Amino acid sequence: MKKVIFVCALVPLLFAVPASAAPLGANEVEELGKVNGVALACRQSTTMNRVTEELEKTLPKTTDTTYDEIFKTAMQQGLIQHQKSNAACPDEVALKPRIDELFKQLRLALGR
């Protein structure tokens, strides 16, 4: 009887998602972080504010900090890469369609 209980307790673990699995929309959040890093390097506060405000509205409200960590890490990478490349700053108006597309993909990934 103890074996049956033990086996029954283990069955749900077979279907558990690994802790290292990326959350839904992680790629889109990462890309938005990189865009925000470039906007930070270029002092484009309008773009930065839009991305962070829209993320607050779009991402699920949880105490899990995974999305925040993904976003902040990608933002730092975007900032550093842009500074190292000495590339010209993109026009904020030209970035808008890319940001819109990333948010559309994020909403689809999250089922919203």
Protein backbone atom coordinates (compact mmCIF):
# COMPACT_ATOMS: atom_id res chain seq x y z
CA MET A 1 0.00 0.00 0.00
CA LYS A 2 2.85 2.39 0.79
CA LYS A 3 4.32 1.75 -2.65
CA VAL A 4 1.04 2.67 -4.35
CA ILE A 5 0.83 5.94 -2.42
CA PHE A 6 4.45 6.74 -3.24
CA VAL A 7 3.93 6.06 -6.95
CA CYS A 8 0.72 8.13 -6.97
CA ALA A 9 2.63 11.00 -5.38
CA LEU A 10 5.29 10.84 -8.10
CA VAL A 11 2.93 10.79 -11.11
CA PRO A 12 2.26 14.58 -11.08
CA LEU A 13 6.01 15.18 -11.18
CA LEU A 14 6.16 13.50 -14.58
CA PHE A 15 4.06 16.33 -16.01
CA ALA A 16 5.73 19.20 -14.16
CA VAL A 17 7.36 21.92 -16.22
CA PRO A 18 11.08 22.22 -15.58
CA ALA A 19 12.01 25.26 -13.50
CA SER A 20 14.49 26.33 -16.15
CA ALA A 21 11.84 26.54 -18.87
CA ALA A 22 11.43 30.05 -20.21
CA PRO A 23 8.06 31.64 -19.51
CA LEU A 24 5.63 32.39 -22.33
CA GLY A 25 6.67 35.48 -24.24
CA ALA A 26 10.25 35.45 -22.93
CA ASN A 27 11.72 36.05 -26.41
CA GLU A 28 9.48 39.06 -26.99
CA VAL A 29 10.30 40.50 -23.55
CA GLU A 30 13.99 40.03 -24.31
CA GLU A 31 13.69 41.85 -27.65
CA LEU A 32 11.74 44.67 -26.01
CA GLY A 33 14.51 44.92 -23.41
CA LYS A 34 17.12 45.29 -26.14
CA VAL A 35 15.06 47.99 -27.86
CA ASN A 36 14.73 49.76 -24.52
CA GLY A 37 18.51 49.54 -24.03
CA VAL A 38 19.09 51.27 -27.35
CA ALA A 39 16.48 53.89 -26.42
CA LEU A 40 18.30 54.42 -23.13
CA ALA A 41 21.62 54.84 -24.92
CA CYS A 42 19.99 57.35 -27.26
CA ARG A 43 18.12 59.18 -24.48
CA GLN A 44 14.77 58.45 -26.11
CA SER A 45 12.56 58.76 -23.06
CA THR A 46 9.31 58.57 -25.03
CA THR A 47 10.20 55.11 -26.34
CA MET A 48 11.49 53.95 -22.96
CA ASN A 49 8.34 55.07 -21.17
CA ARG A 50 6.08 53.50 -23.78
CA VAL A 51 7.81 50.12 -23.58
CA THR A 52 7.82 49.96 -19.77
CA GLU A 53 4.21 51.16 -19.43
CA GLU A 54 2.96 48.74 -22.08
CA LEU A 55 4.85 45.86 -20.45
CA GLU A 56 3.17 46.64 -17.12
CA LYS A 57 -0.21 46.40 -18.82
CA THR A 58 0.59 43.29 -20.85
CA LEU A 59 2.54 40.97 -18.56
CA PRO A 60 0.70 38.85 -16.01
CA LYS A 61 0.58 40.27 -12.50
CA THR A 62 2.68 37.90 -10.39
CA THR A 63 5.36 38.07 -7.74
CA ASP A 64 7.63 36.09 -10.06
CA THR A 65 10.52 38.30 -11.18
CA THR A 66 11.50 36.22 -14.23
CA TYR A 67 10.12 38.70 -16.77
CA ASP A 68 11.81 41.59 -14.95
CA GLU A 69 15.13 39.77 -14.96
CA ILE A 70 14.85 38.92 -18.66
CA PHE A 71 13.93 42.51 -19.51
CA LYS A 72 16.67 44.13 -17.40
CA THR A 73 19.39 41.78 -18.64
CA ALA A 74 18.40 42.36 -22.27
CA MET A 75 18.18 46.12 -21.70
CA GLN A 76 21.75 46.16 -20.36
CA GLN A 77 22.91 44.10 -23.34
CA GLY A 78 21.15 46.43 -25.79
CA LEU A 79 22.68 49.48 -24.11
CA ILE A 80 26.21 48.06 -24.08
CA GLN A 81 26.01 46.73 -27.65
CA HIS A 82 24.77 50.06 -28.95
CA GLN A 83 27.50 51.99 -27.12
CA LYS A 84 30.21 49.63 -28.38
CA SER A 85 28.97 49.75 -31.97
CA ASN A 86 29.03 53.55 -32.19
CA ALA A 87 25.96 53.21 -34.42
CA ALA A 88 23.68 56.15 -35.04
CA CYS A 89 20.56 56.31 -32.93
CA PRO A 90 17.44 55.02 -34.64
CA ASP A 91 14.56 57.40 -35.19
CA GLU A 92 11.84 56.92 -32.56
CA VAL A 93 9.16 57.00 -35.23
CA ALA A 94 10.98 54.25 -37.14
CA LEU A 95 11.09 52.08 -33.98
CA LYS A 96 7.34 52.28 -33.42
CA PRO A 97 6.33 49.52 -35.93
CA ARG A 98 8.95 47.15 -34.46
CA ILE A 99 7.71 47.79 -30.92
CA ASP A 100 4.08 47.38 -32.02
CA GLU A 101 4.92 44.04 -33.65
CA LEU A 102 6.77 42.80 -30.56
CA PHE A 103 3.81 43.65 -28.32
CA LYS A 104 1.44 41.94 -30.75
CA GLN A 105 3.60 38.79 -30.64
CA LEU A 106 3.83 39.01 -26.84
CA ARG A 107 0.05 39.22 -26.47
CA LEU A 108 -0.34 36.20 -28.77
CA ALA A 109 2.24 34.24 -26.77
CA LEU A 110 0.45 35.07 -23.53
CA GLY A 111 -2.97 34.30 -25.02
CA ARG A 112 -4.29 37.84 -24.56
